[in-house]
């Protein structure tokens, strides 16, 4: 691959990362935007990350449903249950279920 093409690809990727991060900041701003706008931002963020193969952090993965790409807000559009070392996340829009393992903090008796 030529240097020019490589530089262009890197620029596109950097631009995608910066736009994804700005959309993430809009998603976390609960009071500033309505739920409809935040749903739209979630869809855009998911599209950008898939197009440019960008990874999410573990915290950001729980914001968007994988099947319907809707924003997951606790109590409104998602339900979270803890069972047998698994965090079970239900999407109330499409009914998708996601299971994420978590480690329980164990107290050491001395």
PDB file of N, CA and C in Angstrom:
ATOM      1  N   UNK A   1       0.853  -1.175   0.000  1.00  0.00           N
ATOM      2  CA  UNK A   1       0.000   0.000   0.000  1.00  0.00           C
ATOM      3  C   UNK A   1       0.898   1.236   0.000  1.00  0.00           C
ATOM      4  N   UNK A   2       0.552   2.194  -0.810  1.00  0.00           N
ATOM      5  CA  UNK A   2       1.376   3.393  -0.914  1.00  0.00           C
ATOM      6  C   UNK A   2       1.241   4.258   0.337  1.00  0.00           C
ATOM      7  N   UNK A   3       2.210   5.135   0.521  1.00  0.00           N
ATOM      8  CA  UNK A   3       2.195   5.999   1.699  1.00  0.00           C
ATOM      9  C   UNK A   3       1.014   6.957   1.664  1.00  0.00           C
ATOM     10  N   UNK A   4       0.726   7.444   0.485  1.00  0.00           N
ATOM     11  CA  UNK A   4      -0.375   8.409   0.359  1.00  0.00           C
ATOM     12  C   UNK A   4      -1.702   7.774   0.773  1.00  0.00           C
ATOM     13  N   UNK A   5      -1.950   6.586   0.280  1.00  0.00           N
ATOM     14  CA  UNK A   5      -3.191   5.892   0.618  1.00  0.00           C
ATOM     15  C   UNK A   5      -3.241   5.575   2.111  1.00  0.00           C
ATOM     16  N   UNK A   6      -2.100   5.191   2.655  1.00  0.00           N
ATOM     17  CA  UNK A   6      -2.025   4.888   4.086  1.00  0.00           C
ATOM     18  C   UNK A   6      -2.341   6.128   4.918  1.00  0.00           C
ATOM     19  N   UNK A   7      -1.780   7.287   4.532  1.00  0.00           N
ATOM     20  CA  UNK A   7      -2.042   8.525   5.257  1.00  0.00           C
ATOM     21  C   UNK A   7      -3.514   8.908   5.179  1.00  0.00           C
ATOM     22  N   UNK A   8      -4.107   8.749   4.007  1.00  0.00           N
ATOM     23  CA  UNK A   8      -5.527   9.078   3.851  1.00  0.00           C
ATOM     24  C   UNK A   8      -6.387   8.178   4.730  1.00  0.00           C
ATOM     25  N   UNK A   9      -6.038   6.909   4.781  1.00  0.00           N
ATOM     26  CA  UNK A   9      -6.803   5.974   5.610  1.00  0.00           C
ATOM     27  C   UNK A   9      -6.666   6.327   7.091  1.00  0.00           C
ATOM     28  N   UNK A  10      -5.458   6.691   7.499  1.00  0.00           N
ATOM     29  CA  UNK A  10      -5.242   7.085   8.891  1.00  0.00           C
ATOM     30  C   UNK A  10      -6.017   8.345   9.237  1.00  0.00           C
ATOM     31  N   UNK A  11      -6.066   9.304   8.318  1.00  0.00           N
ATOM     32  CA  UNK A  11      -6.824  10.534   8.555  1.00  0.00           C
ATOM     33  C   UNK A  11      -8.308  10.244   8.703  1.00  0.00           C
ATOM     34  N   UNK A  12      -8.829   9.380   7.831  1.00  0.00           N
ATOM     35  CA  UNK A  12     -10.249   9.014   7.921  1.00  0.00           C
ATOM     36  C   UNK A  12     -10.544   8.340   9.250  1.00  0.00           C
ATOM     37  N   UNK A  13      -9.650   7.473   9.675  1.00  0.00           N
ATOM     38  CA  UNK A  13      -9.847   6.762  10.936  1.00  0.00           C
ATOM     39  C   UNK A  13      -9.801   7.726  12.126  1.00  0.00           C
ATOM     40  N   UNK A  14      -8.859   8.659  12.115  1.00  0.00           N
ATOM     41  CA  UNK A  14      -8.775   9.643  13.192  1.00  0.00           C
ATOM     42  C   UNK A  14     -10.021  10.512  13.236  1.00  0.00           C
ATOM     43  N   UNK A  15     -10.508  10.895  12.062  1.00  0.00           N
ATOM     44  CA  UNK A  15     -11.725  11.699  12.004  1.00  0.00           C
ATOM     45  C   UNK A  15     -12.914  10.904  12.549  1.00  0.00           C
ATOM     46  N   UNK A  16     -12.971   9.614  12.216  1.00  0.00           N
ATOM     47  CA  UNK A  16     -14.057   8.765  12.708  1.00  0.00           C
ATOM     48  C   UNK A  16     -13.992   8.627  14.225  1.00  0.00           C
ATOM     49  N   UNK A  17     -12.797   8.484  14.772  1.00  0.00           N
ATOM     50  CA  UNK A  17     -12.643   8.364  16.225  1.00  0.00           C
ATOM     51  C   UNK A  17     -13.093   9.643  16.912  1.00  0.00           C
ATOM     52  N   UNK A  18     -12.697  10.791  16.366  1.00  0.00           N
ATOM     53  CA  UNK A  18     -13.086  12.057  16.997  1.00  0.00           C
ATOM     54  C   UNK A  18     -14.590  12.281  16.908  1.00  0.00           C
ATOM     55  N   UNK A  19     -15.205  11.924  15.771  1.00  0.00           N
ATOM     56  CA  UNK A  19     -16.658  12.100  15.657  1.00  0.00           C
ATOM     57  C   UNK A  19     -17.399  11.130  16.570  1.00  0.00           C
ATOM     58  N   UNK A  20     -16.892   9.896  16.704  1.00  0.00           N
ATOM     59  CA  UNK A  20     -17.518   8.937  17.614  1.00  0.00           C
ATOM     60  C   UNK A  20     -17.430   9.424  19.056  1.00  0.00           C
ATOM     61  N   UNK A  21     -16.288   9.987  19.432  1.00  0.00           N
ATOM     62  CA  UNK A  21     -16.122  10.488  20.798  1.00  0.00           C
ATOM     63  C   UNK A  21     -17.031  11.678  21.076  1.00  0.00           C
ATOM     64  N   UNK A  22     -17.222  12.544  20.085  1.00  0.00           N
ATOM     65  CA  UNK A  22     -18.124  13.684  20.295  1.00  0.00           C
ATOM     66  C   UNK A  22     -19.571  13.206  20.436  1.00  0.00           C
ATOM     67  N   UNK A  23     -19.949  12.185  19.666  1.00  0.00           N
ATOM     68  CA  UNK A  23     -21.301  11.628  19.785  1.00  0.00           C
ATOM     69  C   UNK A  23     -21.471  10.950  21.145  1.00  0.00           C
ATOM     70  N   UNK A  24     -20.417  10.276  21.624  1.00  0.00           N
ATOM     71  CA  UNK A  24     -20.477   9.652  22.949  1.00  0.00           C
ATOM     72  C   UNK A  24     -20.702  10.687  24.036  1.00  0.00           C
ATOM     73  N   UNK A  25     -20.049  11.831  23.911  1.00  0.00           N
ATOM     74  CA  UNK A  25     -20.249  12.882  24.915  1.00  0.00           C
ATOM     75  C   UNK A  25     -21.683  13.395  24.874  1.00  0.00           C
ATOM     76  N   UNK A  26     -22.291  13.444  23.681  1.00  0.00           N
ATOM     77  CA  UNK A  26     -23.692  13.848  23.578  1.00  0.00           C
ATOM     78  C   UNK A  26     -24.615  12.806  24.210  1.00  0.00           C
ATOM     79  N   UNK A  27     -24.258  11.531  24.085  1.00  0.00           N
ATOM     80  CA  UNK A  27     -25.071  10.466  24.676  1.00  0.00           C
ATOM     81  C   UNK A  27     -25.043  10.520  26.200  1.00  0.00           C
ATOM     82  N   UNK A  28     -23.891  10.819  26.769  1.00  0.00           N
ATOM     83  CA  UNK A  28     -23.779  10.866  28.222  1.00  0.00           C
ATOM     84  C   UNK A  28     -24.400  12.124  28.810  1.00  0.00           C
ATOM     85  N   UNK A  29     -24.670  13.143  27.988  1.00  0.00           N
ATOM     86  CA  UNK A  29     -25.296  14.382  28.455  1.00  0.00           C
ATOM     87  C   UNK A  29     -26.805  14.159  28.552  1.00  0.00           C
ATOM     88  N   UNK A  30     -27.264  13.700  29.701  1.00  0.00           N
ATOM     89  CA  UNK A  30     -28.661  13.299  29.873  1.00  0.00           C
ATOM     90  C   UNK A  30     -29.603  14.493  29.846  1.00  0.00           C
ATOM     91  N   UNK A  31     -29.249  15.570  30.512  1.00  0.00           N
ATOM     92  CA  UNK A  31     -30.155  16.704  30.633  1.00  0.00           C
ATOM     93  C   UNK A  31     -30.227  17.574  29.393  1.00  0.00           C
ATOM     94  N   UNK A  32     -29.220  17.535  28.543  1.00  0.00           N
ATOM     95  CA  UNK A  32     -29.147  18.462  27.430  1.00  0.00           C
ATOM     96  C   UNK A  32     -29.978  18.095  26.220  1.00  0.00           C
ATOM     97  N   UNK A  33     -30.284  16.815  26.014  1.00  0.00           N
ATOM     98  CA  UNK A  33     -30.947  16.386  24.789  1.00  0.00           C
ATOM     99  C   UNK A  33     -32.124  15.470  25.104  1.00  0.00           C
ATOM    100  N   UNK A  34     -33.098  15.472  24.208  1.00  0.00           N
ATOM    101  CA  UNK A  34     -34.266  14.616  24.397  1.00  0.00           C
ATOM    102  C   UNK A  34     -33.903  13.165  24.082  1.00  0.00           C
ATOM    103  N   UNK A  35     -34.777  12.258  24.462  1.00  0.00           N
ATOM    104  CA  UNK A  35     -34.529  10.838  24.241  1.00  0.00           C
ATOM    105  C   UNK A  35     -34.482  10.511  22.752  1.00  0.00           C
ATOM    106  N   UNK A  36     -35.301  11.175  21.939  1.00  0.00           N
ATOM    107  CA  UNK A  36     -35.303  10.918  20.494  1.00  0.00           C
ATOM    108  C   UNK A  36     -33.960  11.278  19.871  1.00  0.00           C
ATOM    109  N   UNK A  37     -33.418  12.426  20.290  1.00  0.00           N
ATOM    110  CA  UNK A  37     -32.117  12.830  19.764  1.00  0.00           C
ATOM    111  C   UNK A  37     -31.031  11.851  20.195  1.00  0.00           C
ATOM    112  N   UNK A  38     -31.092  11.418  21.440  1.00  0.00           N
ATOM    113  CA  UNK A  38     -30.085  10.489  21.940  1.00  0.00           C
ATOM    114  C   UNK A  38     -30.182   9.135  21.235  1.00  0.00           C
ATOM    115  N   UNK A  39     -31.403   8.709  20.875  1.00  0.00           N
ATOM    116  CA  UNK A  39     -31.564   7.469  20.103  1.00  0.00           C
ATOM    117  C   UNK A  39     -30.863   7.597  18.748  1.00  0.00           C
ATOM    118  N   UNK A  40     -31.055   8.748  18.108  1.00  0.00           N
ATOM    119  CA  UNK A  40     -30.441   8.998  16.802  1.00  0.00           C
ATOM    120  C   UNK A  40     -28.912   9.029  16.915  1.00  0.00           C
ATOM    121  N   UNK A  41     -28.404   9.651  17.974  1.00  0.00           N
ATOM    122  CA  UNK A  41     -26.956   9.693  18.186  1.00  0.00           C
ATOM    123  C   UNK A  41     -26.395   8.285  18.367  1.00  0.00           C
ATOM    124  N   UNK A  42     -27.121   7.428  19.070  1.00  0.00           N
ATOM    125  CA  UNK A  42     -26.664   6.055  19.291  1.00  0.00           C
ATOM    126  C   UNK A  42     -26.567   5.303  17.969  1.00  0.00           C
ATOM    127  N   UNK A  43     -27.560   5.472  17.104  1.00  0.00           N
ATOM    128  CA  UNK A  43     -27.523   4.809  15.798  1.00  0.00           C
ATOM    129  C   UNK A  43     -26.351   5.306  14.961  1.00  0.00           C
ATOM    130  N   UNK A  44     -26.106   6.622  14.976  1.00  0.00           N
ATOM    131  CA  UNK A  44     -24.987   7.179  14.216  1.00  0.00           C
ATOM    132  C   UNK A  44     -23.648   6.670  14.748  1.00  0.00           C
ATOM    133  N   UNK A  45     -23.506   6.625  16.063  1.00  0.00           N
ATOM    134  CA  UNK A  45     -22.264   6.165  16.662  1.00  0.00           C
ATOM    135  C   UNK A  45     -21.999   4.706  16.294  1.00  0.00           C
ATOM    136  N   UNK A  46     -23.032   3.887  16.332  1.00  0.00           N
ATOM    137  CA  UNK A  46     -22.883   2.478  16.004  1.00  0.00           C
ATOM    138  C   UNK A  46     -22.500   2.303  14.535  1.00  0.00           C
ATOM    139  N   UNK A  47     -23.114   3.104  13.646  1.00  0.00           N
ATOM    140  CA  UNK A  47     -22.790   3.042  12.220  1.00  0.00           C
ATOM    141  C   UNK A  47     -21.335   3.418  11.962  1.00  0.00           C
ATOM    142  N   UNK A  48     -20.896   4.505  12.582  1.00  0.00           N
ATOM    143  CA  UNK A  48     -19.519   4.972  12.394  1.00  0.00           C
ATOM    144  C   UNK A  48     -18.529   3.919  12.868  1.00  0.00           C
ATOM    145  N   UNK A  49     -18.797   3.333  14.016  1.00  0.00           N
ATOM    146  CA  UNK A  49     -17.859   2.353  14.564  1.00  0.00           C
ATOM    147  C   UNK A  49     -17.818   1.079  13.720  1.00  0.00           C
ATOM    148  N   UNK A  50     -18.924   0.663  13.147  1.00  0.00           N
ATOM    149  CA  UNK A  50     -18.912  -0.514  12.281  1.00  0.00           C
ATOM    150  C   UNK A  50     -18.209  -0.226  10.960  1.00  0.00           C
ATOM    151  N   UNK A  51     -18.434   0.948  10.413  1.00  0.00           N
ATOM    152  CA  UNK A  51     -17.842   1.292   9.124  1.00  0.00           C
ATOM    153  C   UNK A  51     -16.322   1.363   9.203  1.00  0.00           C
ATOM    154  N   UNK A  52     -15.805   1.884  10.318  1.00  0.00           N
ATOM    155  CA  UNK A  52     -14.362   2.073  10.448  1.00  0.00           C
ATOM    156  C   UNK A  52     -13.704   1.057  11.372  1.00  0.00           C
ATOM    157  N   UNK A  53     -14.449   0.042  11.777  1.00  0.00           N
ATOM    158  CA  UNK A  53     -13.952  -1.041  12.633  1.00  0.00           C
ATOM    159  C   UNK A  53     -13.328  -0.507  13.916  1.00  0.00           C
ATOM    160  N   UNK A  54     -14.059   0.350  14.599  1.00  0.00           N
ATOM    161  CA  UNK A  54     -13.595   0.920  15.860  1.00  0.00           C
ATOM    162  C   UNK A  54     -14.182   0.114  17.009  1.00  0.00           C
ATOM    163  N   UNK A  55     -13.404  -0.080  18.041  1.00  0.00           N
ATOM    164  CA  UNK A  55     -13.869  -0.838  19.198  1.00  0.00           C
ATOM    165  C   UNK A  55     -14.437   0.090  20.254  1.00  0.00           C
ATOM    166  N   UNK A  56     -15.376  -0.451  21.015  1.00  0.00           N
ATOM    167  CA  UNK A  56     -15.965   0.269  22.137  1.00  0.00           C
ATOM    168  C   UNK A  56     -15.300  -0.187  23.427  1.00  0.00           C
ATOM    169  N   UNK A  57     -15.334   0.663  24.426  1.00  0.00           N
ATOM    170  CA  UNK A  57     -14.925   0.225  25.755  1.00  0.00           C
ATOM    171  C   UNK A  57     -16.075  -0.608  26.333  1.00  0.00           C
ATOM    172  N   UNK A  58     -15.811  -1.319  27.412  1.00  0.00           N
ATOM    173  CA  UNK A  58     -16.845  -2.169  28.011  1.00  0.00           C
ATOM    174  C   UNK A  58     -18.045  -1.345  28.456  1.00  0.00           C
ATOM    175  N   UNK A  59     -17.789  -0.159  28.978  1.00  0.00           N
ATOM    176  CA  UNK A  59     -18.869   0.712  29.434  1.00  0.00           C
ATOM    177  C   UNK A  59     -19.709   1.206  28.248  1.00  0.00           C
ATOM    178  N   UNK A  60     -19.065   1.504  27.136  1.00  0.00           N
ATOM    179  CA  UNK A  60     -19.780   2.011  25.969  1.00  0.00           C
ATOM    180  C   UNK A  60     -20.557   0.916  25.246  1.00  0.00           C
ATOM    181  N   UNK A  61     -20.102  -0.332  25.369  1.00  0.00           N
ATOM    182  CA  UNK A  61     -20.813  -1.441  24.734  1.00  0.00           C
ATOM    183  C   UNK A  61     -22.210  -1.616  25.310  1.00  0.00           C
ATOM    184  N   UNK A  62     -22.376  -1.265  26.572  1.00  0.00           N
ATOM    185  CA  UNK A  62     -23.667  -1.441  27.223  1.00  0.00           C
ATOM    186  C   UNK A  62     -24.635  -0.311  26.912  1.00  0.00           C
ATOM    187  N   UNK A  63     -24.203   0.691  26.167  1.00  0.00           N
ATOM    188  CA  UNK A  63     -25.073   1.814  25.813  1.00  0.00           C
ATOM    189  C   UNK A  63     -25.983   1.521  24.630  1.00  0.00           C
ATOM    190  N   UNK A  64     -25.531   0.650  23.721  1.00  0.00           N
ATOM    191  CA  UNK A  64     -26.250   0.434  22.469  1.00  0.00           C
ATOM    192  C   UNK A  64     -26.592  -1.044  22.325  1.00  0.00           C
ATOM    193  N   UNK A  65     -27.843  -1.324  21.931  1.00  0.00           N
ATOM    194  CA  UNK A  65     -28.271  -2.699  21.667  1.00  0.00           C
ATOM    195  C   UNK A  65     -27.647  -3.156  20.351  1.00  0.00           C
ATOM    196  N   UNK A  66     -27.119  -4.362  20.323  1.00  0.00           N
ATOM    197  CA  UNK A  66     -26.470  -4.861  19.114  1.00  0.00           C
ATOM    198  C   UNK A  66     -27.460  -5.185  18.004  1.00  0.00           C
ATOM    199  N   UNK A  67     -28.648  -5.607  18.363  1.00  0.00           N
ATOM    200  CA  UNK A  67     -29.582  -6.045  17.325  1.00  0.00           C
ATOM    201  C   UNK A  67     -30.399  -4.911  16.731  1.00  0.00           C
ATOM    202  N   UNK A  68     -30.868  -3.965  17.551  1.00  0.00           N
ATOM    203  CA  UNK A  68     -31.713  -2.891  17.006  1.00  0.00           C
ATOM    204  C   UNK A  68     -31.033  -1.528  17.043  1.00  0.00           C
ATOM    205  N   UNK A  69     -29.808  -1.448  17.526  1.00  0.00           N
ATOM    206  CA  UNK A  69     -28.994  -0.225  17.634  1.00  0.00           C
ATOM    207  C   UNK A  69     -29.717   0.918  18.335  1.00  0.00           C
ATOM    208  N   UNK A  70     -30.548   0.603  19.307  1.00  0.00           N
ATOM    209  CA  UNK A  70     -31.203   1.662  20.073  1.00  0.00           C
ATOM    210  C   UNK A  70     -30.401   1.929  21.342  1.00  0.00           C
ATOM    211  N   UNK A  71     -30.589   3.105  21.889  1.00  0.00           N
ATOM    212  CA  UNK A  71     -29.896   3.503  23.108  1.00  0.00           C
ATOM    213  C   UNK A  71     -30.488   2.746  24.288  1.00  0.00           C
ATOM    214  N   UNK A  72     -29.636   2.190  25.136  1.00  0.00           N
ATOM    215  CA  UNK A  72     -30.101   1.441  26.298  1.00  0.00           C
ATOM    216  C   UNK A  72     -29.934   2.291  27.549  1.00  0.00           C
ATOM    217  N   UNK A  73     -31.064   2.713  28.109  1.00  0.00           N
ATOM    218  CA  UNK A  73     -31.082   3.513  29.330  1.00  0.00           C
ATOM    219  C   UNK A  73     -31.725   2.663  30.416  1.00  0.00           C
ATOM    220  N   UNK A  74     -31.060   2.559  31.553  1.00  0.00           N
ATOM    221  CA  UNK A  74     -31.557   1.718  32.640  1.00  0.00           C
ATOM    222  C   UNK A  74     -32.928   2.183  33.102  1.00  0.00           C
ATOM    223  N   UNK A  75     -33.873   1.266  33.147  1.00  0.00           N
ATOM    224  CA  UNK A  75     -35.221   1.575  33.611  1.00  0.00           C
ATOM    225  C   UNK A  75     -36.163   2.026  32.514  1.00  0.00           C
ATOM    226  N   UNK A  76     -35.641   2.543  31.422  1.00  0.00           N
ATOM    227  CA  UNK A  76     -36.499   3.013  30.330  1.00  0.00           C
ATOM    228  C   UNK A  76     -36.473   2.059  29.141  1.00  0.00           C
ATOM    229  N   UNK A  77     -35.283   1.757  28.640  1.00  0.00           N
ATOM    230  CA  UNK A  77     -35.185   0.898  27.462  1.00  0.00           C
ATOM    231  C   UNK A  77     -34.381  -0.366  27.714  1.00  0.00           C
ATOM    232  N   UNK A  78     -33.895  -0.567  28.924  1.00  0.00           N
ATOM    233  CA  UNK A  78     -33.208  -1.815  29.245  1.00  0.00           C
ATOM    234  C   UNK A  78     -33.522  -2.242  30.668  1.00  0.00           C
ATOM    235  N   UNK A  79     -33.375  -3.547  30.894  1.00  0.00           N
ATOM    236  CA  UNK A  79     -33.564  -4.121  32.222  1.00  0.00           C
ATOM    237  C   UNK A  79     -32.310  -4.935  32.527  1.00  0.00           C
ATOM    238  N   UNK A  80     -31.756  -4.743  33.695  1.00  0.00           N
ATOM    239  CA  UNK A  80     -30.515  -5.419  34.077  1.00  0.00           C
ATOM    240  C   UNK A  80     -30.780  -6.318  35.270  1.00  0.00           C
ATOM    241  N   UNK A  81     -30.349  -7.565  35.163  1.00  0.00           N
ATOM    242  CA  UNK A  81     -30.463  -8.531  36.252  1.00  0.00           C
ATOM    243  C   UNK A  81     -29.094  -9.161  36.482  1.00  0.00           C
ATOM    244  N   UNK A  82     -28.818  -9.490  37.725  1.00  0.00           N
ATOM    245  CA  UNK A  82     -27.581 -10.175  38.080  1.00  0.00           C
ATOM    246  C   UNK A  82     -27.932 -11.579  38.535  1.00  0.00           C
ATOM    247  N   UNK A  83     -27.316 -12.580  37.899  1.00  0.00           N
ATOM    248  CA  UNK A  83     -27.638 -13.965  38.243  1.00  0.00           C
ATOM    249  C   UNK A  83     -26.458 -14.873  37.891  1.00  0.00           C
ATOM    250  N   UNK A  84     -26.030 -15.658  38.854  1.00  0.00           N
ATOM    251  CA  UNK A  84     -24.988 -16.669  38.666  1.00  0.00           C
ATOM    252  C   UNK A  84     -23.722 -16.119  38.015  1.00  0.00           C
ATOM    253  N   UNK A  85     -23.259 -14.983  38.471  1.00  0.00           N
ATOM    254  CA  UNK A  85     -22.032 -14.409  37.931  1.00  0.00           C
ATOM    255  C   UNK A  85     -22.191 -13.788  36.559  1.00  0.00           C
ATOM    256  N   UNK A  86     -23.433 -13.614  36.111  1.00  0.00           N
ATOM    257  CA  UNK A  86     -23.701 -13.011  34.804  1.00  0.00           C
ATOM    258  C   UNK A  86     -24.537 -11.754  34.980  1.00  0.00           C
ATOM    259  N   UNK A  87     -24.236 -10.757  34.195  1.00  0.00           N
ATOM    260  CA  UNK A  87     -25.043  -9.543  34.129  1.00  0.00           C
ATOM    261  C   UNK A  87     -25.914  -9.693  32.887  1.00  0.00           C
ATOM    262  N   UNK A  88     -27.225  -9.813  33.080  1.00  0.00           N
ATOM    263  CA  UNK A  88     -28.154 -10.071  31.982  1.00  0.00           C
ATOM    264  C   UNK A  88     -28.843  -8.766  31.619  1.00  0.00           C
ATOM    265  N   UNK A  89     -28.660  -8.323  30.379  1.00  0.00           N
ATOM    266  CA  UNK A  89     -29.204  -7.054  29.907  1.00  0.00           C
ATOM    267  C   UNK A  89     -30.283  -7.352  28.875  1.00  0.00           C
ATOM    268  N   UNK A  90     -31.527  -6.930  29.166  1.00  0.00           N
ATOM    269  CA  UNK A  90     -32.653  -7.112  28.252  1.00  0.00           C
ATOM    270  C   UNK A  90     -32.953  -5.785  27.573  1.00  0.00           C
ATOM    271  N   UNK A  91     -33.063  -5.790  26.254  1.00  0.00           N
ATOM    272  CA  UNK A  91     -33.490  -4.603  25.519  1.00  0.00           C
ATOM    273  C   UNK A  91     -35.013  -4.621  25.475  1.00  0.00           C
ATOM    274  N   UNK A  92     -35.643  -3.552  25.921  1.00  0.00           N
ATOM    275  CA  UNK A  92     -37.102  -3.503  25.933  1.00  0.00           C
ATOM    276  C   UNK A  92     -37.678  -3.068  24.591  1.00  0.00           C
ATOM    277  N   UNK A  93     -36.832  -2.635  23.663  1.00  0.00           N
ATOM    278  CA  UNK A  93     -37.296  -2.255  22.332  1.00  0.00           C
ATOM    279  C   UNK A  93     -37.508  -3.497  21.459  1.00  0.00           C
ATOM    280  N   UNK A  94     -36.486  -4.366  21.403  1.00  0.00           N
ATOM    281  CA  UNK A  94     -36.563  -5.519  20.502  1.00  0.00           C
ATOM    282  C   UNK A  94     -36.608  -6.855  21.238  1.00  0.00           C
ATOM    283  N   UNK A  95     -36.342  -6.859  22.541  1.00  0.00           N
ATOM    284  CA  UNK A  95     -36.381  -8.098  23.307  1.00  0.00           C
ATOM    285  C   UNK A  95     -35.081  -8.881  23.297  1.00  0.00           C
ATOM    286  N   UNK A  96     -34.017  -8.316  22.760  1.00  0.00           N
ATOM    287  CA  UNK A  96     -32.731  -9.011  22.714  1.00  0.00           C
ATOM    288  C   UNK A  96     -32.156  -9.140  24.121  1.00  0.00           C
ATOM    289  N   UNK A  97     -31.413 -10.213  24.340  1.00  0.00           N
ATOM    290  CA  UNK A  97     -30.808 -10.481  25.640  1.00  0.00           C
ATOM    291  C   UNK A  97     -29.300 -10.558  25.453  1.00  0.00           C
ATOM    292  N   UNK A  98     -28.577  -9.924  26.343  1.00  0.00           N
ATOM    293  CA  UNK A  98     -27.116  -9.952  26.298  1.00  0.00           C
ATOM    294  C   UNK A  98     -26.611 -10.354  27.667  1.00  0.00           C
ATOM    295  N   UNK A  99     -25.714 -11.325  27.705  1.00  0.00           N
ATOM    296  CA  UNK A  99     -25.158 -11.810  28.965  1.00  0.00           C
ATOM    297  C   UNK A  99     -23.671 -11.472  29.024  1.00  0.00           C
ATOM    298  N   UNK A 100     -23.292 -10.794  30.098  1.00  0.00           N
ATOM    299  CA  UNK A 100     -21.907 -10.368  30.280  1.00  0.00           C
ATOM    300  C   UNK A 100     -21.422 -10.910  31.611  1.00  0.00           C
ATOM    301  N   UNK A 101     -20.318 -11.654  31.644  1.00  0.00           N
ATOM    302  CA  UNK A 101     -19.814 -12.145  32.928  1.00  0.00           C
ATOM    303  C   UNK A 101     -19.220 -11.015  33.754  1.00  0.00           C
ATOM    304  N   UNK A 102     -19.360 -11.132  35.046  1.00  0.00           N
ATOM    305  CA  UNK A 102     -18.743 -10.164  35.942  1.00  0.00           C
ATOM    306  C   UNK A 102     -18.148 -10.918  37.112  1.00  0.00           C
ATOM    307  N   UNK A 103     -17.142 -10.337  37.684  1.00  0.00           N
ATOM    308  CA  UNK A 103     -16.488 -10.975  38.823  1.00  0.00           C
ATOM    309  C   UNK A 103     -17.050 -10.400  40.108  1.00  0.00           C
ATOM    310  N   UNK A 104     -17.391 -11.279  41.007  1.00  0.00           N
ATOM    311  CA  UNK A 104     -17.867 -10.847  42.307  1.00  0.00           C
ATOM    312  C   UNK A 104     -16.663 -10.548  43.189  1.00  0.00           C
ATOM    313  N   UNK A 105     -16.763  -9.492  43.951  1.00  0.00           N
ATOM    314  CA  UNK A 105     -15.684  -9.140  44.869  1.00  0.00           C
ATOM    315  C   UNK A 105     -15.823 -10.009  46.108  1.00  0.00           C
ATOM    316  N   UNK A 106     -14.805 -10.771  46.375  1.00  0.00           N
ATOM    317  CA  UNK A 106     -14.839 -11.670  47.526  1.00  0.00           C
ATOM    318  C   UNK A 106     -13.993 -11.089  48.644  1.00  0.00           C
ATOM    319  N   UNK A 107     -14.536 -11.159  49.839  1.00  0.00           N
ATOM    320  CA  UNK A 107     -13.814 -10.659  51.002  1.00  0.00           C
ATOM    321  C   UNK A 107     -12.932 -11.774  51.556  1.00  0.00           C
ATOM    322  N   UNK A 108     -11.716 -11.421  51.860  1.00  0.00           N
ATOM    323  CA  UNK A 108     -10.770 -12.389  52.396  1.00  0.00           C
ATOM    324  C   UNK A 108     -10.784 -12.282  53.915  1.00  0.00           C
ATOM    325  N   UNK A 109     -11.023 -13.399  54.553  1.00  0.00           N
ATOM    326  CA  UNK A 109     -11.030 -13.441  56.020  1.00  0.00           C
ATOM    327  C   UNK A 109      -9.597 -13.635  56.498  1.00  0.00           C
ATOM    328  N   UNK A 110      -9.161 -12.777  57.401  1.00  0.00           N
ATOM    329  CA  UNK A 110      -7.792 -12.887  57.920  1.00  0.00           C
ATOM    330  C   UNK A 110      -7.826 -13.266  59.371  1.00  0.00           C
TER     331      UNK A 110
END
